[in-house]
Amino acid sequence: MNWWEIVGITTIFYYITYFVIPWFIDCDINLYMKEKFGRPLNSLQGKVVWIIGASSGIGEHLAYELAKINCKLILSARRDKELQQVRNNCLKINLQLNENDVKVLVMDICDNASHKKALNYVISQFDKLDILVNNAGRSQRANWEKIDLNVDKEMFQLNVFSIIALSRLVYQYFTDKNSGKGHIVVTSSLAGILGIPYSGSYTGSKHALHVCILYMHIVCYLFYFKLVILYLTKKKIFIGIF
């Protein structure tokens, strides 16, 4: 086998791995490997987890899964009533949890000025933070040429800037006060890789988020704490811990 044959076979294998297989495993290759061969979810037992966007959907059901393994939770979103319901459900799911193990913190993630106060509240309740889950966000549907610029700005503020602002504060906490240990989790989408028709603002925000998180990932390795990206699909939530 000559050099060019090796290059050709390697190229074919690369494209099969990264473009064909994901259609069958419903997530990207890296996340699939972590989900299959990484540490089990119960390795997070006892961790303090702050979930942003916990009032419904992915954040809500992630809270239930973490409650089952005795994680201490801070549930944040704008809707107090829904958060209280999620909190009550967490306590029902695991009777070993007490009232003080699951806290509700109502906040608007787009209000960057409130982030520091919110983080201080979390630390005051549990004396530490182990994991931040950035799950807040929204989608959008429209023809690209008909999208108002204010929609673009609102989408980027929620899906990108607010996440970066809060993550920077938590990053500083991890490096300065938590011995460089911790996890930052970011809920993302395949729209940040491939793009989605009629979702120009959403796709643009997710691509921007991926670039920002990639840079964070590089920086974080210098300080030995972990960063995880959740690529979400309609079928499952894959949690990679690495």
Protein backbone atom coordinates (compact mmCIF):
# COMPACT_ATOMS: atom_id res chain seq x y z
CA MET A 1 0.00 0.00 0.00
CA ASN A 2 1.54 3.29 -1.09
CA TRP A 3 1.38 6.70 0.57
CA TRP A 4 -1.53 8.01 -1.50
CA GLU A 5 -3.63 4.95 -0.79
CA ILE A 6 -3.08 5.45 2.93
CA VAL A 7 -4.09 9.10 2.63
CA GLY A 8 -7.20 8.17 0.62
CA ILE A 9 -8.33 5.49 3.08
CA THR A 10 -7.71 7.82 6.03
CA THR A 11 -9.75 10.58 4.37
CA ILE A 12 -12.65 8.23 3.66
CA PHE A 13 -12.57 6.92 7.22
CA TYR A 14 -12.53 10.50 8.57
CA TYR A 15 -15.64 11.52 6.63
CA ILE A 16 -17.46 8.31 7.54
CA THR A 17 -16.65 8.89 11.19
CA TYR A 18 -17.61 12.55 11.44
CA PHE A 19 -20.39 12.91 8.89
CA VAL A 20 -22.10 9.54 8.47
CA ILE A 21 -21.97 7.90 11.90
CA PRO A 22 -23.55 10.90 13.73
CA TRP A 23 -26.74 10.36 11.73
CA PHE A 24 -27.09 6.99 13.46
CA ILE A 25 -25.88 7.79 16.97
CA ASP A 26 -27.85 11.07 17.25
CA CYS A 27 -24.93 13.14 18.58
CA ASP A 28 -21.36 13.98 17.69
CA ILE A 29 -18.53 11.44 18.00
CA ASN A 30 -16.81 13.03 20.99
CA LEU A 31 -20.01 13.17 23.01
CA TYR A 32 -20.90 9.60 22.05
CA MET A 33 -17.54 8.33 23.29
CA LYS A 34 -17.90 10.20 26.56
CA GLU A 35 -21.46 8.95 27.04
CA LYS A 36 -20.39 5.36 26.43
CA PHE A 37 -16.97 5.23 28.04
CA GLY A 38 -16.81 8.25 30.37
CA ARG A 39 -17.54 8.26 34.06
CA PRO A 40 -21.14 7.37 35.02
CA LEU A 41 -23.62 10.05 36.02
CA ASN A 42 -23.57 8.93 39.65
CA SER A 43 -19.97 10.13 39.87
CA LEU A 44 -21.57 13.56 40.38
CA GLN A 45 -23.22 12.48 43.61
CA GLY A 46 -23.14 15.25 46.20
CA LYS A 47 -22.00 17.94 43.74
CA VAL A 48 -23.47 21.44 43.87
CA VAL A 49 -25.05 22.14 40.48
CA TRP A 50 -26.46 25.48 39.34
CA ILE A 51 -28.85 25.06 36.39
CA ILE A 52 -29.73 28.18 34.39
CA GLY A 53 -32.96 27.68 32.46
CA ALA A 54 -34.36 25.05 34.81
CA SER A 55 -38.06 25.90 34.63
CA SER A 56 -38.90 23.57 31.73
CA GLY A 57 -37.55 21.30 29.02
CA ILE A 58 -33.94 20.17 29.12
CA GLY A 59 -33.04 22.08 32.28
CA GLU A 60 -36.05 20.73 34.15
CA HIS A 61 -35.39 17.10 33.30
CA LEU A 62 -31.67 17.45 33.91
CA ALA A 63 -32.60 18.62 37.41
CA TYR A 64 -34.63 15.44 37.93
CA GLU A 65 -31.76 13.22 36.84
CA LEU A 66 -29.32 15.00 39.13
CA ALA A 67 -31.79 14.90 42.02
CA LYS A 68 -31.87 11.10 41.73
CA ILE A 69 -28.15 10.92 42.55
CA ASN A 70 -28.27 13.33 45.51
CA CYS A 71 -26.86 16.42 43.85
CA LYS A 72 -27.51 19.72 45.58
CA LEU A 73 -29.32 21.99 43.14
CA ILE A 74 -29.85 25.66 42.46
CA LEU A 75 -32.65 26.15 39.93
CA SER A 76 -32.70 29.43 38.01
CA ALA A 77 -34.98 31.00 35.41
CA ARG A 78 -37.39 33.93 35.19
CA ARG A 79 -40.56 32.01 36.09
CA ASP A 80 -40.84 31.46 39.84
CA LYS A 81 -43.99 29.32 39.75
CA GLU A 82 -42.50 26.82 37.32
CA LEU A 83 -39.23 26.69 39.25
CA GLN A 84 -41.07 25.94 42.48
CA GLN A 85 -42.86 23.07 40.75
CA VAL A 86 -39.56 21.65 39.48
CA ARG A 87 -38.12 21.96 43.00
CA ASN A 88 -41.08 20.10 44.48
CA ASN A 89 -40.74 17.37 41.88
CA CYS A 90 -37.04 16.97 42.68
CA LEU A 91 -37.84 16.51 46.37
CA LYS A 92 -40.50 13.93 45.51
CA ILE A 93 -38.16 12.02 43.20
CA ASN A 94 -35.56 11.57 45.92
CA LEU A 95 -36.88 11.52 49.49
CA GLN A 96 -33.31 11.59 50.79
CA LEU A 97 -33.05 15.22 49.72
CA ASN A 98 -34.19 17.78 52.28
CA GLU A 99 -35.68 21.23 51.79
CA ASN A 100 -32.27 22.90 51.88
CA ASP A 101 -30.77 20.68 49.17
CA VAL A 102 -32.76 22.24 46.32
CA LYS A 103 -32.91 26.03 46.07
CA VAL A 104 -34.77 28.33 43.70
CA LEU A 105 -33.06 31.47 42.44
CA VAL A 106 -35.22 33.57 40.14
CA MET A 107 -33.10 35.60 37.72
CA ASP A 108 -32.98 37.01 34.21
CA ILE A 109 -29.78 35.70 32.65
CA CYS A 110 -29.79 38.66 30.22
CA ASP A 111 -29.34 41.05 33.15
CA ASN A 112 -25.57 40.79 33.29
CA ALA A 113 -25.40 43.17 36.25
CA SER A 114 -27.22 40.61 38.41
CA HIS A 115 -24.78 37.74 37.78
CA LYS A 116 -22.35 38.56 40.58
CA LYS A 117 -25.13 38.81 43.17
CA ALA A 118 -26.61 35.54 41.95
CA LEU A 119 -23.27 33.73 42.20
CA ASN A 120 -22.73 35.09 45.70
CA TYR A 121 -26.15 33.73 46.69
CA VAL A 122 -25.26 30.28 45.40
CA ILE A 123 -22.00 30.24 47.37
CA SER A 124 -23.77 31.49 50.50
CA GLN A 125 -26.26 28.62 50.36
CA PHE A 126 -23.85 25.72 49.79
CA ASP A 127 -20.40 27.19 50.52
CA LYS A 128 -19.26 26.18 47.04
CA LEU A 129 -20.21 25.59 43.42
CA ASP A 130 -19.06 22.54 41.47
CA ILE A 131 -20.98 22.76 38.19
CA LEU A 132 -22.60 25.57 36.22
CA VAL A 133 -25.12 24.47 33.58
CA ASN A 134 -25.77 27.18 30.99
CA ASN A 135 -29.08 25.98 29.60
CA ALA A 136 -30.92 29.26 28.96
CA GLY A 137 -31.69 30.07 25.35
CA ARG A 138 -34.38 30.21 22.69
CA SER A 139 -34.84 29.45 19.03
CA GLN A 140 -36.21 31.50 16.14
CA ARG A 141 -37.90 30.91 12.78
CA ALA A 142 -38.11 33.40 9.90
CA ASN A 143 -36.84 34.12 6.43
CA TRP A 144 -33.36 35.63 6.83
CA GLU A 145 -34.09 38.79 4.84
CA LYS A 146 -37.18 39.55 6.96
CA ILE A 147 -35.52 39.30 10.38
CA ASP A 148 -35.49 42.55 12.31
CA LEU A 149 -32.03 43.52 13.60
CA ASN A 150 -33.41 43.74 17.13
CA VAL A 151 -34.26 40.04 16.93
CA ASP A 152 -30.62 39.30 16.09
CA LYS A 153 -29.44 41.40 19.02
CA GLU A 154 -31.87 39.76 21.47
CA MET A 155 -30.91 36.29 20.25
CA PHE A 156 -27.19 36.93 20.66
CA GLN A 157 -27.69 38.55 24.06
CA LEU A 158 -29.51 35.49 25.39
CA ASN A 159 -27.74 32.69 23.55
CA VAL A 160 -24.20 34.08 23.62
CA PHE A 161 -23.35 37.19 25.64
CA SER A 162 -25.24 36.30 28.82
CA ILE A 163 -23.69 32.82 28.85
CA ILE A 164 -20.18 34.18 28.35
CA ALA A 165 -20.68 36.84 31.04
CA LEU A 166 -21.84 34.38 33.70
CA SER A 167 -19.29 31.75 32.70
CA ARG A 168 -16.46 34.26 33.14
CA LEU A 169 -17.57 34.98 36.71
CA VAL A 170 -17.80 31.29 37.52
CA TYR A 171 -14.45 30.69 35.83
CA GLN A 172 -12.89 33.27 38.12
CA TYR A 173 -14.49 31.60 41.12
CA PHE A 174 -13.15 28.19 40.09
CA THR A 175 -9.62 29.46 39.56
CA ASP A 176 -9.42 31.83 42.54
CA LYS A 177 -11.45 30.08 45.24
CA ASN A 178 -12.05 26.48 44.19
CA SER A 179 -8.50 25.26 43.50
CA GLY A 180 -9.11 25.38 39.74
CA LYS A 181 -11.74 22.64 39.96
CA GLY A 182 -15.20 22.71 38.44
CA HIS A 183 -17.35 22.13 35.40
CA ILE A 184 -18.96 24.60 33.03
CA VAL A 185 -21.69 23.02 30.92
CA VAL A 186 -23.11 24.72 27.84
CA THR A 187 -26.27 23.57 26.11
CA SER A 188 -25.69 23.81 22.39
CA SER A 189 -27.19 22.56 19.15
CA LEU A 190 -26.20 20.99 15.87
CA ALA A 191 -27.24 24.37 14.45
CA GLY A 192 -23.91 25.58 15.78
CA ILE A 193 -22.14 23.17 13.44
CA LEU A 194 -24.31 22.65 10.38
CA GLY A 195 -26.88 25.44 10.39
CA ILE A 196 -30.69 25.21 10.11
CA PRO A 197 -32.91 26.70 7.36
CA TYR A 198 -35.16 29.62 8.37
CA SER A 199 -33.26 30.09 11.65
CA GLY A 200 -30.60 32.60 10.70
CA SER A 201 -30.39 34.41 14.04
CA TYR A 202 -30.46 31.18 16.03
CA THR A 203 -27.86 29.49 13.82
CA GLY A 204 -25.60 32.53 13.95
CA SER A 205 -25.82 32.70 17.75
CA LYS A 206 -25.00 29.02 18.15
CA HIS A 207 -22.02 29.26 15.80
CA ALA A 208 -20.77 32.24 17.80
CA LEU A 209 -21.31 30.32 21.03
CA HIS A 210 -19.27 27.39 19.73
CA VAL A 211 -16.32 29.63 18.85
CA CYS A 212 -16.42 31.32 22.27
CA ILE A 213 -16.65 27.99 24.08
CA LEU A 214 -13.83 26.56 22.00
CA TYR A 215 -11.60 29.37 23.22
CA MET A 216 -12.81 28.82 26.79
CA HIS A 217 -11.98 25.16 26.39
CA ILE A 218 -8.39 25.98 25.45
CA VAL A 219 -7.98 28.38 28.36
CA CYS A 220 -9.64 26.02 30.83
CA TYR A 221 -7.17 23.23 30.13
CA LEU A 222 -4.42 25.53 31.32
CA PHE A 223 -6.10 25.64 34.72
CA TYR A 224 -7.22 21.99 34.88
CA PHE A 225 -10.92 22.43 35.25
CA LYS A 226 -13.43 20.90 32.92
CA LEU A 227 -15.78 22.25 30.29
CA VAL A 228 -18.54 20.22 28.69
CA ILE A 229 -20.74 20.96 25.68
CA LEU A 230 -24.13 19.26 25.46
CA TYR A 231 -25.15 18.70 21.85
CA LEU A 232 -28.90 18.22 22.06
CA THR A 233 -31.19 16.23 19.84
CA LYS A 234 -34.85 15.30 19.97
CA LYS A 235 -34.31 11.80 21.27
CA LYS A 236 -31.96 11.97 24.24
CA ILE A 237 -29.81 14.13 26.43
CA PHE A 238 -26.23 12.91 26.27
CA ILE A 239 -24.11 13.98 29.19
CA GLY A 240 -20.36 13.86 28.63
CA ILE A 241 -18.17 14.17 31.72
CA PHE A 242 -14.49 14.70 30.95
